[in-house]
Amino acid sequence: MKRKLFCFGLGYSAKNLIRHLKQRDTGWQFSGSCRTASDDNSLIFDGIKPMKNGTELLADVTHMLISIPPQNDMGDPVLHHHGVDISKLKNLQWLGYLSTTGIYGDRNGDWVDDDSLPAPSSVKGQQRLDAEQAWLRLLQDHNLPVHIFRLGSIYGPERSQLASLLKGKVKKIVKQGQYFSRIHVDDIAQVLMASIKSPNPGQSYNVVDDMPASPSNVIDYICDLLHRPPLSPINLSDADISPMMKIFYSENKRVGNRRIKQELNVTLTYPTYKEGFSSLVRSLP
């Protein structure tokens, strides 16, 4: 049977996974949803209304990736509109839900690992945890092969502090002792492909690199790579930032990635932000 991947949310990570799968193996078919119409074999799913003919469209799917975030009024929109359709799938071999490390909340800079108990400290973190648990109920109730991937801050070509710096849209906000974990988009694809190859339903994975670091340190490193002077620091208390960024800076933790290495045998292409951003700078025109 031909393998067919359906992506709810054909965004940055999902499109990159498809690109990697196409490079590795021609035995795949791909389809997925977008908020608006497109020309890449995708379907409209805005989270407000279900896809048209969803039962028929999903009937022969063997693999599924969910990258749409939960919504305030309904929880996970995919489960809300298509949970029944998905629960009836007979050929589904793997389902991946892209969550975030935000489910661990604020740990005052301490380490968490794959076995740490979730303790969300924001509404959005709690919504993510609720969505994880809702997806895992499909495993419990319908024996569907659900896997959870808790992603750090995603960066890569055209989506990074480098891209923002080159556009003059980045600020060096400083908060003493702050740590964030991040992951290159190509390493996300690598982890997902390893899980597809060796499914372990019910498992969760922290998808982060080996070196948590403050955003200000990363920006300084990028400036060094570009042979630019460092940006002037701005104290967090003086920064004009969005509500989303306030949540971002309110949490401080270092996230370990042991399970992707020990269970999935993943060797990160970009084990730290230094390799990742050095590669991005080298690829600049």
Protein backbone atom coordinates (compact mmCIF):
# COMPACT_ATOMS: atom_id res chain seq x y z
CA MET A 1 0.00 0.00 0.00
CA LYS A 2 1.34 3.42 -0.93
CA ARG A 3 2.13 5.64 2.03
CA LYS A 4 0.08 8.82 2.20
CA LEU A 5 0.91 11.68 4.56
CA PHE A 6 -1.79 14.20 5.38
CA CYS A 7 -0.69 17.37 7.17
CA PHE A 8 -3.25 19.39 9.08
CA GLY A 9 -1.48 22.72 8.66
CA LEU A 10 0.92 22.95 5.72
CA GLY A 11 3.21 25.37 7.50
CA TYR A 12 6.96 25.77 7.85
CA SER A 13 7.74 22.49 9.61
CA ALA A 14 5.25 20.36 7.66
CA LYS A 15 6.46 21.58 4.26
CA ASN A 16 10.04 20.94 5.29
CA LEU A 17 9.18 17.39 6.36
CA ILE A 18 7.56 16.77 2.99
CA ARG A 19 10.66 18.09 1.22
CA HIS A 20 12.91 15.73 3.18
CA LEU A 21 10.63 12.73 2.59
CA LYS A 22 10.60 13.44 -1.15
CA GLN A 23 14.41 13.50 -1.15
CA ARG A 24 14.69 10.21 0.73
CA ASP A 25 11.86 8.13 -0.74
CA THR A 26 9.62 8.39 -3.81
CA GLY A 27 6.99 6.04 -2.34
CA TRP A 28 4.93 8.78 -0.71
CA GLN A 29 1.83 10.76 -1.54
CA PHE A 30 1.23 14.10 0.16
CA SER A 31 -1.74 16.29 0.88
CA GLY A 32 -2.71 18.73 3.59
CA SER A 33 -4.71 21.70 4.69
CA CYS A 34 -4.12 25.45 4.50
CA ARG A 35 -6.11 28.38 5.86
CA THR A 36 -6.74 29.61 2.32
CA ALA A 37 -6.72 28.02 -1.12
CA SER A 38 -3.37 27.20 -2.67
CA ASP A 39 -2.01 25.37 -5.69
CA ASP A 40 -0.04 22.65 -3.87
CA ASN A 41 -2.68 19.95 -3.47
CA SER A 42 -3.93 21.39 -0.20
CA LEU A 43 -7.39 21.86 1.20
CA ILE A 44 -8.95 24.75 3.05
CA PHE A 45 -9.23 24.26 6.81
CA ASP A 46 -9.35 27.45 8.82
CA GLY A 47 -10.19 25.81 12.13
CA ILE A 48 -13.63 27.44 12.13
CA LYS A 49 -15.36 25.08 9.73
CA PRO A 50 -14.52 21.46 8.91
CA MET A 51 -13.02 20.47 5.59
CA LYS A 52 -15.52 19.53 2.95
CA ASN A 53 -15.77 15.76 2.47
CA GLY A 54 -13.34 15.15 5.30
CA THR A 55 -14.33 11.51 5.76
CA GLU A 56 -13.56 10.67 2.14
CA LEU A 57 -10.39 12.78 2.00
CA LEU A 58 -8.83 11.09 5.03
CA ALA A 59 -10.02 7.54 4.37
CA ASP A 60 -6.77 6.19 2.86
CA VAL A 61 -4.28 8.21 4.92
CA THR A 62 -1.46 6.14 6.44
CA HIS A 63 0.44 8.94 8.20
CA MET A 64 -0.78 12.21 9.69
CA LEU A 65 0.94 15.30 11.07
CA ILE A 66 -0.91 17.87 13.20
CA SER A 67 0.70 21.30 13.51
CA ILE A 68 -2.34 23.54 14.10
CA PRO A 69 -2.37 25.12 17.58
CA PRO A 70 -5.36 24.90 19.91
CA GLN A 71 -7.97 27.66 19.91
CA ASN A 72 -9.49 29.36 22.91
CA ASP A 73 -13.10 28.46 22.20
CA MET A 74 -12.83 24.85 21.04
CA GLY A 75 -9.50 23.39 22.10
CA ASP A 76 -7.81 21.48 19.31
CA PRO A 77 -9.61 22.43 16.07
CA VAL A 78 -8.63 19.27 14.22
CA LEU A 79 -10.09 17.04 16.92
CA HIS A 80 -13.12 19.31 17.25
CA HIS A 81 -14.02 19.03 13.57
CA HIS A 82 -12.43 15.77 12.43
CA GLY A 83 -11.77 13.70 15.55
CA VAL A 84 -14.51 11.23 14.63
CA ASP A 85 -13.16 10.89 11.08
CA ILE A 86 -9.65 10.25 12.38
CA SER A 87 -10.81 7.76 15.03
CA LYS A 88 -12.26 5.57 12.27
CA LEU A 89 -9.12 5.39 10.12
CA LYS A 90 -8.15 1.76 9.50
CA ASN A 91 -4.81 2.22 7.73
CA LEU A 92 -3.22 4.83 9.98
CA GLN A 93 0.33 3.77 10.91
CA TRP A 94 1.63 6.96 12.52
CA LEU A 95 0.21 10.23 13.83
CA GLY A 96 2.43 13.05 15.06
CA TYR A 97 1.21 16.02 17.09
CA LEU A 98 3.53 19.04 17.20
CA SER A 99 3.33 20.53 20.67
CA THR A 100 5.73 22.89 22.46
CA THR A 101 8.10 22.89 25.41
CA GLY A 102 5.74 25.50 26.86
CA ILE A 103 3.91 22.64 28.58
CA TYR A 104 6.77 22.57 31.13
CA GLY A 105 6.17 26.16 32.19
CA ASP A 106 8.71 28.26 34.06
CA ARG A 107 11.50 26.37 35.86
CA ASN A 108 13.71 29.33 36.88
CA GLY A 109 16.44 28.20 34.51
CA ASP A 110 16.53 24.57 35.70
CA TRP A 111 16.66 21.57 33.39
CA VAL A 112 13.67 19.49 32.37
CA ASP A 113 13.82 16.24 30.40
CA ASP A 114 11.44 13.94 28.54
CA ASP A 115 10.18 12.45 31.80
CA SER A 116 9.58 15.75 33.61
CA LEU A 117 5.98 16.33 34.61
CA PRO A 118 4.24 19.13 32.68
CA ALA A 119 3.56 22.26 34.71
CA PRO A 120 2.32 24.96 32.33
CA SER A 121 2.52 28.49 33.70
CA SER A 122 0.54 30.23 30.94
CA VAL A 123 -2.91 29.83 29.40
CA LYS A 124 -1.37 28.85 26.08
CA GLY A 125 0.85 26.27 27.75
CA GLN A 126 -2.19 24.73 29.44
CA GLN A 127 -4.06 24.69 26.13
CA ARG A 128 -1.19 22.79 24.56
CA LEU A 129 -1.14 20.26 27.35
CA ASP A 130 -4.92 19.81 27.08
CA ALA A 131 -4.51 19.21 23.34
CA GLU A 132 -1.76 16.63 23.93
CA GLN A 133 -3.99 14.75 26.36
CA ALA A 134 -6.94 14.90 23.96
CA TRP A 135 -4.87 13.36 21.19
CA LEU A 136 -3.56 10.67 23.49
CA ARG A 137 -7.14 9.69 24.29
CA LEU A 138 -7.43 8.58 20.67
CA LEU A 139 -4.67 6.09 21.45
CA GLN A 140 -6.44 4.93 24.59
CA ASP A 141 -9.93 4.76 23.10
CA HIS A 142 -9.23 3.77 19.49
CA ASN A 143 -5.68 2.39 19.52
CA LEU A 144 -4.46 5.05 17.11
CA PRO A 145 -0.65 5.51 16.86
CA VAL A 146 -0.34 8.97 18.45
CA HIS A 147 3.10 10.52 19.11
CA ILE A 148 3.80 13.86 20.81
CA PHE A 149 6.68 16.14 19.80
CA ARG A 150 7.46 19.05 22.13
CA LEU A 151 9.30 21.58 20.01
CA GLY A 152 11.59 24.36 21.13
CA SER A 153 11.79 27.67 19.28
CA ILE A 154 11.96 26.84 15.56
CA TYR A 155 14.48 28.47 13.25
CA GLY A 156 15.85 27.87 9.77
CA PRO A 157 16.05 29.44 6.31
CA GLU A 158 13.94 32.63 6.07
CA ARG A 159 12.68 32.19 9.65
CA SER A 160 15.18 33.12 12.30
CA GLN A 161 16.83 35.93 14.23
CA LEU A 162 19.23 36.16 11.29
CA ALA A 163 16.39 36.92 8.88
CA SER A 164 14.96 39.49 11.30
CA LEU A 165 18.37 41.08 11.82
CA LEU A 166 18.95 41.47 8.09
CA LYS A 167 15.56 43.21 7.84
CA GLY A 168 16.39 45.49 10.77
CA LYS A 169 13.55 44.05 12.81
CA VAL A 170 15.33 42.45 15.73
CA LYS A 171 16.01 43.86 19.21
CA LYS A 172 18.53 42.54 21.68
CA ILE A 173 16.33 42.16 24.74
CA VAL A 174 18.26 41.17 27.83
CA LYS A 175 16.93 39.32 30.85
CA GLN A 176 19.62 38.14 33.23
CA GLY A 177 19.97 34.36 33.46
CA GLN A 178 17.41 33.65 30.75
CA TYR A 179 17.54 30.39 28.78
CA PHE A 180 15.58 29.22 25.75
CA SER A 181 15.78 25.97 23.83
CA ARG A 182 15.58 25.98 20.05
CA ILE A 183 15.67 23.56 17.11
CA HIS A 184 16.56 23.85 13.44
CA VAL A 185 13.69 22.98 11.11
CA ASP A 186 15.81 20.33 9.35
CA ASP A 187 16.36 18.54 12.65
CA ILE A 188 12.61 18.56 13.28
CA ALA A 189 12.19 16.71 9.99
CA GLN A 190 14.94 14.28 10.98
CA VAL A 191 13.23 13.46 14.29
CA LEU A 192 9.82 12.99 12.65
CA MET A 193 11.25 10.69 9.98
CA ALA A 194 13.02 8.62 12.63
CA SER A 195 9.74 8.26 14.53
CA ILE A 196 7.89 7.30 11.35
CA LYS A 197 10.50 4.60 10.78
CA SER A 198 10.27 3.33 14.38
CA PRO A 199 6.83 4.17 15.80
CA ASN A 200 6.24 4.02 19.54
CA PRO A 201 2.61 5.09 20.11
CA GLY A 202 2.02 7.13 23.23
CA GLN A 203 5.58 8.38 23.45
CA SER A 204 6.54 12.05 23.80
CA TYR A 205 9.82 13.62 22.65
CA ASN A 206 11.51 16.90 23.45
CA VAL A 207 12.71 18.23 20.09
CA VAL A 208 15.44 20.72 20.98
CA ASP A 209 19.16 21.10 20.39
CA ASP A 210 21.98 20.56 22.89
CA MET A 211 22.62 24.16 23.95
CA PRO A 212 19.90 26.27 25.53
CA ALA A 213 20.93 29.92 25.36
CA SER A 214 19.58 33.41 25.77
CA PRO A 215 18.29 35.24 22.68
CA SER A 216 20.80 38.02 23.33
CA ASN A 217 23.73 35.58 23.15
CA VAL A 218 22.40 34.21 19.88
CA ILE A 219 22.05 37.69 18.41
CA ASP A 220 25.60 38.56 19.45
CA TYR A 221 26.85 35.39 17.76
CA ILE A 222 25.00 36.24 14.54
CA CYS A 223 26.48 39.75 14.55
CA ASP A 224 29.94 38.21 14.91
CA LEU A 225 29.27 35.93 11.94
CA LEU A 226 28.20 38.92 9.87
CA HIS A 227 31.17 41.00 11.10
CA ARG A 228 28.76 43.57 12.50
CA PRO A 229 29.02 45.41 15.80
CA PRO A 230 26.77 44.02 18.54
CA LEU A 231 23.34 45.53 18.96
CA SER A 232 22.68 47.76 21.93
CA PRO A 233 20.97 45.83 24.74
CA ILE A 234 17.46 46.64 25.89
CA ASN A 235 16.36 45.59 29.35
CA LEU A 236 13.23 43.47 29.30
CA SER A 237 11.49 45.92 31.63
CA ASP A 238 12.02 48.69 29.05
CA ALA A 239 11.09 46.66 25.95
CA ASP A 240 7.86 47.20 24.03
CA ILE A 241 6.88 43.62 23.21
CA SER A 242 3.72 41.76 22.27
CA PRO A 243 1.65 39.70 24.72
CA MET A 244 3.01 36.53 23.06
CA MET A 245 6.59 37.67 23.62
CA LYS A 246 5.76 38.50 27.25
CA ILE A 247 4.78 34.85 27.71
CA PHE A 248 7.97 33.83 25.93
CA TYR A 249 10.14 35.81 28.35
CA SER A 250 8.13 34.86 31.43
CA GLU A 251 9.37 31.26 31.19
CA ASN A 252 12.96 30.24 31.80
CA LYS A 253 14.14 26.65 31.46
CA ARG A 254 16.67 24.39 29.81
CA VAL A 255 15.20 21.41 27.98
CA GLY A 256 17.00 18.10 27.54
CA ASN A 257 16.70 15.94 24.41
CA ARG A 258 17.89 12.51 25.59
CA ARG A 259 15.01 10.49 24.14
CA ILE A 260 15.42 11.50 20.50
CA LYS A 261 19.02 10.31 20.73
CA GLN A 262 18.63 7.14 22.75
CA GLU A 263 15.32 5.88 21.36
CA LEU A 264 15.27 7.30 17.83
CA ASN A 265 19.05 7.27 17.31
CA VAL A 266 19.00 10.83 16.01
CA THR A 267 22.27 12.69 15.56
CA LEU A 268 21.40 16.35 15.21
CA THR A 269 22.69 18.06 12.10
CA TYR A 270 22.78 21.31 14.07
CA PRO A 271 23.51 20.32 17.70
CA THR A 272 23.71 23.98 18.79
CA TYR A 273 22.64 27.35 17.49
CA LYS A 274 26.27 27.99 16.48
CA GLU A 275 26.27 25.30 13.78
CA GLY A 276 22.76 26.28 12.73
CA PHE A 277 23.39 29.98 12.27
CA SER A 278 26.84 29.44 10.76
CA SER A 279 25.14 27.34 8.09
CA LEU A 280 22.46 29.95 7.51
CA VAL A 281 25.05 32.71 7.12
CA ARG A 282 27.08 30.61 4.68
CA SER A 283 23.98 30.12 2.55
CA LEU A 284 23.30 33.84 2.22
CA PRO A 285 23.47 35.13 -1.37
